Amino acid sequence: MRPLGAFGHGQHDHGLRPAAAAATQSLLLARRIGAPRCVRLVDDLLPRFEPYAHASGVAELLQLAAA
């Protein structure tokens, strides 16, 4: 699976931060309202974030997903 395709070397932080924040908020809301299909949708995105685990917001998303 390709990493988040729109992000090139050195340019990924601009779109990656909002994407990680949106995924984090989506995961939190899905868990809070008990929406397993929505949780699964976010889980399906995680492999695309993993190459950027060092980027701002991504580590937090990955930790939350693992919890």
PDB file of N, CA and C in Angstrom:
ATOM      1  N   MET A   1       0.844  -1.182   0.000  1.00  0.00           N
ATOM      2  CA  MET A   1       0.000   0.000   0.000  1.00  0.00           C
ATOM      3  C   MET A   1       0.887   1.242   0.000  1.00  0.00           C
ATOM      4  N   ARG A   2       0.561   2.180  -0.853  1.00  0.00           N
ATOM      5  CA  ARG A   2       1.329   3.421  -0.948  1.00  0.00           C
ATOM      6  C   ARG A   2       1.056   4.320   0.239  1.00  0.00           C
ATOM      7  N   PRO A   3       2.066   5.087   0.678  1.00  0.00           N
ATOM      8  CA  PRO A   3       1.827   6.111   1.691  1.00  0.00           C
ATOM      9  C   PRO A   3       0.874   7.158   1.135  1.00  0.00           C
ATOM     10  N   LEU A   4       0.410   8.039   1.968  1.00  0.00           N
ATOM     11  CA  LEU A   4      -0.502   9.096   1.556  1.00  0.00           C
ATOM     12  C   LEU A   4       0.040   9.755   0.296  1.00  0.00           C
ATOM     13  N   GLY A   5      -0.541   9.409  -0.837  1.00  0.00           N
ATOM     14  CA  GLY A   5      -0.002   9.714  -2.140  1.00  0.00           C
ATOM     15  C   GLY A   5       0.285  11.171  -2.424  1.00  0.00           C
ATOM     16  N   ALA A   6      -0.419  12.093  -1.835  1.00  0.00           N
ATOM     17  CA  ALA A   6      -0.254  13.502  -2.167  1.00  0.00           C
ATOM     18  C   ALA A   6       0.967  14.121  -1.495  1.00  0.00           C
ATOM     19  N   PHE A   7       1.645  13.382  -0.670  1.00  0.00           N
ATOM     20  CA  PHE A   7       2.728  13.963   0.117  1.00  0.00           C
ATOM     21  C   PHE A   7       4.079  13.522  -0.418  1.00  0.00           C
ATOM     22  N   GLY A   8       4.860  14.479  -0.898  1.00  0.00           N
ATOM     23  CA  GLY A   8       6.201  14.187  -1.391  1.00  0.00           C
ATOM     24  C   GLY A   8       7.219  14.376  -0.289  1.00  0.00           C
ATOM     25  N   HIS A   9       8.443  14.136  -0.595  1.00  0.00           N
ATOM     26  CA  HIS A   9       9.520  14.310   0.372  1.00  0.00           C
ATOM     27  C   HIS A   9       9.593  15.760   0.809  1.00  0.00           C
ATOM     28  N   GLY A  10       9.541  15.988   2.104  1.00  0.00           N
ATOM     29  CA  GLY A  10       9.657  17.333   2.641  1.00  0.00           C
ATOM     30  C   GLY A  10       8.386  18.152   2.552  1.00  0.00           C
ATOM     31  N   GLN A  11       7.387  17.664   1.848  1.00  0.00           N
ATOM     32  CA  GLN A  11       6.152  18.417   1.689  1.00  0.00           C
ATOM     33  C   GLN A  11       4.991  17.806   2.455  1.00  0.00           C
ATOM     34  N   HIS A  12       5.174  16.641   3.031  1.00  0.00           N
ATOM     35  CA  HIS A  12       4.057  15.911   3.606  1.00  0.00           C
ATOM     36  C   HIS A  12       3.465  16.561   4.849  1.00  0.00           C
ATOM     37  N   ASP A  13       4.236  17.351   5.583  1.00  0.00           N
ATOM     38  CA  ASP A  13       3.716  17.918   6.823  1.00  0.00           C
ATOM     39  C   ASP A  13       2.545  18.869   6.600  1.00  0.00           C
ATOM     40  N   HIS A  14       2.489  19.521   5.449  1.00  0.00           N
ATOM     41  CA  HIS A  14       1.434  20.498   5.217  1.00  0.00           C
ATOM     42  C   HIS A  14       0.050  19.856   5.175  1.00  0.00           C
ATOM     43  N   GLY A  15      -0.097  18.722   4.550  1.00  0.00           N
ATOM     44  CA  GLY A  15      -1.377  18.042   4.484  1.00  0.00           C
ATOM     45  C   GLY A  15      -1.516  16.934   5.499  1.00  0.00           C
ATOM     46  N   LEU A  16      -0.402  16.477   6.003  1.00  0.00           N
ATOM     47  CA  LEU A  16      -0.413  15.345   6.921  1.00  0.00           C
ATOM     48  C   LEU A  16      -0.973  15.725   8.281  1.00  0.00           C
ATOM     49  N   ARG A  17      -0.605  16.879   8.783  1.00  0.00           N
ATOM     50  CA  ARG A  17      -1.102  17.308  10.099  1.00  0.00           C
ATOM     51  C   ARG A  17      -2.623  17.376  10.139  1.00  0.00           C
ATOM     52  N   PRO A  18      -3.260  18.066   9.185  1.00  0.00           N
ATOM     53  CA  PRO A  18      -4.725  18.106   9.215  1.00  0.00           C
ATOM     54  C   PRO A  18      -5.353  16.730   9.000  1.00  0.00           C
ATOM     55  N   ALA A  19      -4.721  15.897   8.174  1.00  0.00           N
ATOM     56  CA  ALA A  19      -5.251  14.552   7.948  1.00  0.00           C
ATOM     57  C   ALA A  19      -5.174  13.723   9.224  1.00  0.00           C
ATOM     58  N   ALA A  20      -4.048  13.808   9.927  1.00  0.00           N
ATOM     59  CA  ALA A  20      -3.906  13.071  11.183  1.00  0.00           C
ATOM     60  C   ALA A  20      -4.868  13.595  12.233  1.00  0.00           C
ATOM     61  N   ALA A  21      -5.048  14.911  12.287  1.00  0.00           N
ATOM     62  CA  ALA A  21      -5.986  15.502  13.252  1.00  0.00           C
ATOM     63  C   ALA A  21      -7.411  15.063  12.955  1.00  0.00           C
ATOM     64  N   ALA A  22      -7.794  15.053  11.694  1.00  0.00           N
ATOM     65  CA  ALA A  22      -9.145  14.635  11.319  1.00  0.00           C
ATOM     66  C   ALA A  22      -9.363  13.161  11.650  1.00  0.00           C
ATOM     67  N   ALA A  23      -8.365  12.334  11.370  1.00  0.00           N
ATOM     68  CA  ALA A  23      -8.482  10.909  11.679  1.00  0.00           C
ATOM     69  C   ALA A  23      -8.562  10.682  13.183  1.00  0.00           C
ATOM     70  N   THR A  24      -7.780  11.428  13.946  1.00  0.00           N
ATOM     71  CA  THR A  24      -7.811  11.307  15.408  1.00  0.00           C
ATOM     72  C   THR A  24      -9.178  11.691  15.950  1.00  0.00           C
ATOM     73  N   GLN A  25      -9.690  12.823  15.498  1.00  0.00           N
ATOM     74  CA  GLN A  25     -11.012  13.269  15.963  1.00  0.00           C
ATOM     75  C   GLN A  25     -12.099  12.287  15.535  1.00  0.00           C
ATOM     76  N   SER A  26     -11.989  11.758  14.338  1.00  0.00           N
ATOM     77  CA  SER A  26     -12.965  10.778  13.857  1.00  0.00           C
ATOM     78  C   SER A  26     -12.935   9.519  14.700  1.00  0.00           C
ATOM     79  N   LEU A  27     -11.744   9.066  15.045  1.00  0.00           N
ATOM     80  CA  LEU A  27     -11.608   7.862  15.862  1.00  0.00           C
ATOM     81  C   LEU A  27     -12.174   8.087  17.259  1.00  0.00           C
ATOM     82  N   LEU A  28     -11.860   9.238  17.845  1.00  0.00           N
ATOM     83  CA  LEU A  28     -12.394   9.543  19.175  1.00  0.00           C
ATOM     84  C   LEU A  28     -13.926   9.584  19.169  1.00  0.00           C
ATOM     85  N   LEU A  29     -14.494  10.251  18.179  1.00  0.00           N
ATOM     86  CA  LEU A  29     -15.952  10.347  18.091  1.00  0.00           C
ATOM     87  C   LEU A  29     -16.573   8.979  17.844  1.00  0.00           C
ATOM     88  N   ALA A  30     -16.000   8.214  16.930  1.00  0.00           N
ATOM     89  CA  ALA A  30     -16.535   6.887  16.626  1.00  0.00           C
ATOM     90  C   ALA A  30     -16.538   5.995  17.861  1.00  0.00           C
ATOM     91  N   ARG A  31     -15.476   6.059  18.639  1.00  0.00           N
ATOM     92  CA  ARG A  31     -15.438   5.265  19.873  1.00  0.00           C
ATOM     93  C   ARG A  31     -16.453   5.760  20.881  1.00  0.00           C
ATOM     94  N   ARG A  32     -16.588   7.089  20.990  1.00  0.00           N
ATOM     95  CA  ARG A  32     -17.507   7.659  21.972  1.00  0.00           C
ATOM     96  C   ARG A  32     -18.954   7.294  21.668  1.00  0.00           C
ATOM     97  N   ILE A  33     -19.336   7.278  20.405  1.00  0.00           N
ATOM     98  CA  ILE A  33     -20.734   6.989  20.068  1.00  0.00           C
ATOM     99  C   ILE A  33     -20.962   5.511  19.769  1.00  0.00           C
ATOM    100  N   GLY A  34     -19.907   4.720  19.852  1.00  0.00           N
ATOM    101  CA  GLY A  34     -20.052   3.283  19.627  1.00  0.00           C
ATOM    102  C   GLY A  34     -20.344   2.946  18.180  1.00  0.00           C
ATOM    103  N   ALA A  35     -19.531   3.460  17.278  1.00  0.00           N
ATOM    104  CA  ALA A  35     -19.721   3.242  15.842  1.00  0.00           C
ATOM    105  C   ALA A  35     -18.583   2.378  15.293  1.00  0.00           C
ATOM    106  N   PRO A  36     -18.703   1.065  15.397  1.00  0.00           N
ATOM    107  CA  PRO A  36     -17.600   0.185  14.997  1.00  0.00           C
ATOM    108  C   PRO A  36     -17.233   0.287  13.518  1.00  0.00           C
ATOM    109  N   ARG A  37     -18.192   0.555  12.640  1.00  0.00           N
ATOM    110  CA  ARG A  37     -17.864   0.690  11.220  1.00  0.00           C
ATOM    111  C   ARG A  37     -16.975   1.908  10.981  1.00  0.00           C
ATOM    112  N   CYS A  38     -17.242   2.984  11.706  1.00  0.00           N
ATOM    113  CA  CYS A  38     -16.420   4.192  11.573  1.00  0.00           C
ATOM    114  C   CYS A  38     -15.022   3.958  12.139  1.00  0.00           C
ATOM    115  N   VAL A  39     -14.942   3.246  13.245  1.00  0.00           N
ATOM    116  CA  VAL A  39     -13.636   2.896  13.810  1.00  0.00           C
ATOM    117  C   VAL A  39     -12.846   2.083  12.791  1.00  0.00           C
ATOM    118  N   ARG A  40     -13.512   1.151  12.134  1.00  0.00           N
ATOM    119  CA  ARG A  40     -12.857   0.317  11.130  1.00  0.00           C
ATOM    120  C   ARG A  40     -12.357   1.160   9.949  1.00  0.00           C
ATOM    121  N   LEU A  41     -13.127   2.162   9.554  1.00  0.00           N
ATOM    122  CA  LEU A  41     -12.699   3.037   8.462  1.00  0.00           C
ATOM    123  C   LEU A  41     -11.392   3.754   8.807  1.00  0.00           C
ATOM    124  N   VAL A  42     -11.303   4.257  10.032  1.00  0.00           N
ATOM    125  CA  VAL A  42     -10.068   4.918  10.462  1.00  0.00           C
ATOM    126  C   VAL A  42      -8.944   3.895  10.544  1.00  0.00           C
ATOM    127  N   ASP A  43      -9.235   2.728  11.101  1.00  0.00           N
ATOM    128  CA  ASP A  43      -8.217   1.674  11.191  1.00  0.00           C
ATOM    129  C   ASP A  43      -7.656   1.322   9.815  1.00  0.00           C
ATOM    130  N   ASP A  44      -8.518   1.340   8.805  1.00  0.00           N
ATOM    131  CA  ASP A  44      -8.073   1.017   7.451  1.00  0.00           C
ATOM    132  C   ASP A  44      -7.109   2.068   6.888  1.00  0.00           C
ATOM    133  N   LEU A  45      -7.163   3.285   7.427  1.00  0.00           N
ATOM    134  CA  LEU A  45      -6.260   4.348   6.980  1.00  0.00           C
ATOM    135  C   LEU A  45      -4.881   4.280   7.627  1.00  0.00           C
ATOM    136  N   LEU A  46      -4.777   3.622   8.759  1.00  0.00           N
ATOM    137  CA  LEU A  46      -3.545   3.647   9.543  1.00  0.00           C
ATOM    138  C   LEU A  46      -2.295   3.213   8.782  1.00  0.00           C
ATOM    139  N   PRO A  47      -2.359   2.178   7.930  1.00  0.00           N
ATOM    140  CA  PRO A  47      -1.137   1.802   7.208  1.00  0.00           C
ATOM    141  C   PRO A  47      -0.572   2.938   6.346  1.00  0.00           C
ATOM    142  N   ARG A  48      -1.427   3.826   5.897  1.00  0.00           N
ATOM    143  CA  ARG A  48      -0.950   4.950   5.080  1.00  0.00           C
ATOM    144  C   ARG A  48      -0.272   6.020   5.935  1.00  0.00           C
ATOM    145  N   PHE A  49      -0.585   6.059   7.217  1.00  0.00           N
ATOM    146  CA  PHE A  49       0.058   7.019   8.122  1.00  0.00           C
ATOM    147  C   PHE A  49       1.380   6.492   8.677  1.00  0.00           C
ATOM    148  N   GLU A  50       1.525   5.181   8.755  1.00  0.00           N
ATOM    149  CA  GLU A  50       2.690   4.592   9.423  1.00  0.00           C
ATOM    150  C   GLU A  50       4.041   5.071   8.888  1.00  0.00           C
ATOM    151  N   PRO A  51       4.215   5.282   7.585  1.00  0.00           N
ATOM    152  CA  PRO A  51       5.516   5.777   7.126  1.00  0.00           C
ATOM    153  C   PRO A  51       5.863   7.166   7.678  1.00  0.00           C
ATOM    154  N   TYR A  52       4.876   7.860   8.197  1.00  0.00           N
ATOM    155  CA  TYR A  52       5.075   9.223   8.713  1.00  0.00           C
ATOM    156  C   TYR A  52       4.916   9.273  10.226  1.00  0.00           C
ATOM    157  N   ALA A  53       5.226   8.179  10.905  1.00  0.00           N
ATOM    158  CA  ALA A  53       5.025   8.081  12.347  1.00  0.00           C
ATOM    159  C   ALA A  53       5.736   9.188  13.117  1.00  0.00           C
ATOM    160  N   HIS A  54       6.767   9.770  12.533  1.00  0.00           N
ATOM    161  CA  HIS A  54       7.522  10.841  13.198  1.00  0.00           C
ATOM    162  C   HIS A  54       6.857  12.205  13.027  1.00  0.00           C
ATOM    163  N   ALA A  55       5.910  12.319  12.132  1.00  0.00           N
ATOM    164  CA  ALA A  55       5.304  13.628  11.829  1.00  0.00           C
ATOM    165  C   ALA A  55       4.349  14.066  12.934  1.00  0.00           C
ATOM    166  N   SER A  56       4.203  15.358  13.047  1.00  0.00           N
ATOM    167  CA  SER A  56       3.337  15.951  14.059  1.00  0.00           C
ATOM    168  C   SER A  56       1.910  15.427  13.939  1.00  0.00           C
ATOM    169  N   GLY A  57       1.405  14.877  15.022  1.00  0.00           N
ATOM    170  CA  GLY A  57       0.037  14.379  15.068  1.00  0.00           C
ATOM    171  C   GLY A  57      -0.110  12.913  14.714  1.00  0.00           C
ATOM    172  N   VAL A  58       0.789  12.392  13.914  1.00  0.00           N
ATOM    173  CA  VAL A  58       0.659  11.002  13.475  1.00  0.00           C
ATOM    174  C   VAL A  58       0.974  10.033  14.608  1.00  0.00           C
ATOM    175  N   ALA A  59       2.019  10.312  15.378  1.00  0.00           N
ATOM    176  CA  ALA A  59       2.354   9.422  16.502  1.00  0.00           C
ATOM    177  C   ALA A  59       1.190   9.321  17.473  1.00  0.00           C
ATOM    178  N   GLU A  60       0.534  10.453  17.726  1.00  0.00           N
ATOM    179  CA  GLU A  60      -0.614  10.460  18.640  1.00  0.00           C
ATOM    180  C   GLU A  60      -1.758   9.615  18.075  1.00  0.00           C
ATOM    181  N   LEU A  61      -1.998   9.750  16.780  1.00  0.00           N
ATOM    182  CA  LEU A  61      -3.042   8.950  16.137  1.00  0.00           C
ATOM    183  C   LEU A  61      -2.734   7.469  16.257  1.00  0.00           C
ATOM    184  N   LEU A  62      -1.506   7.086  15.952  1.00  0.00           N
ATOM    185  CA  LEU A  62      -1.138   5.682  16.012  1.00  0.00           C
ATOM    186  C   LEU A  62      -1.209   5.123  17.438  1.00  0.00           C
ATOM    187  N   GLN A  63      -0.837   5.943  18.427  1.00  0.00           N
ATOM    188  CA  GLN A  63      -0.936   5.506  19.826  1.00  0.00           C
ATOM    189  C   GLN A  63      -2.398   5.327  20.227  1.00  0.00           C
ATOM    190  N   LEU A  64      -3.230   6.276  19.836  1.00  0.00           N
ATOM    191  CA  LEU A  64      -4.655   6.187  20.154  1.00  0.00           C
ATOM    192  C   LEU A  64      -5.268   4.950  19.530  1.00  0.00           C
ATOM    193  N   ALA A  65      -4.928   4.702  18.291  1.00  0.00           N
ATOM    194  CA  ALA A  65      -5.479   3.535  17.591  1.00  0.00           C
ATOM    195  C   ALA A  65      -5.045   2.234  18.233  1.00  0.00           C
ATOM    196  N   ALA A  66      -3.835   2.214  18.781  1.00  0.00           N
ATOM    197  CA  ALA A  66      -3.316   0.999  19.406  1.00  0.00           C
ATOM    198  C   ALA A  66      -3.929   0.745  20.774  1.00  0.00           C
ATOM    199  N   ALA A  67      -4.496   1.771  21.381  1.00  0.00           N
ATOM    200  CA  ALA A  67      -5.049   1.655  22.740  1.00  0.00           C
ATOM    201  C   ALA A  67      -6.390   0.929  22.739  1.00  0.00           C
TER     202      ALA A  67
END
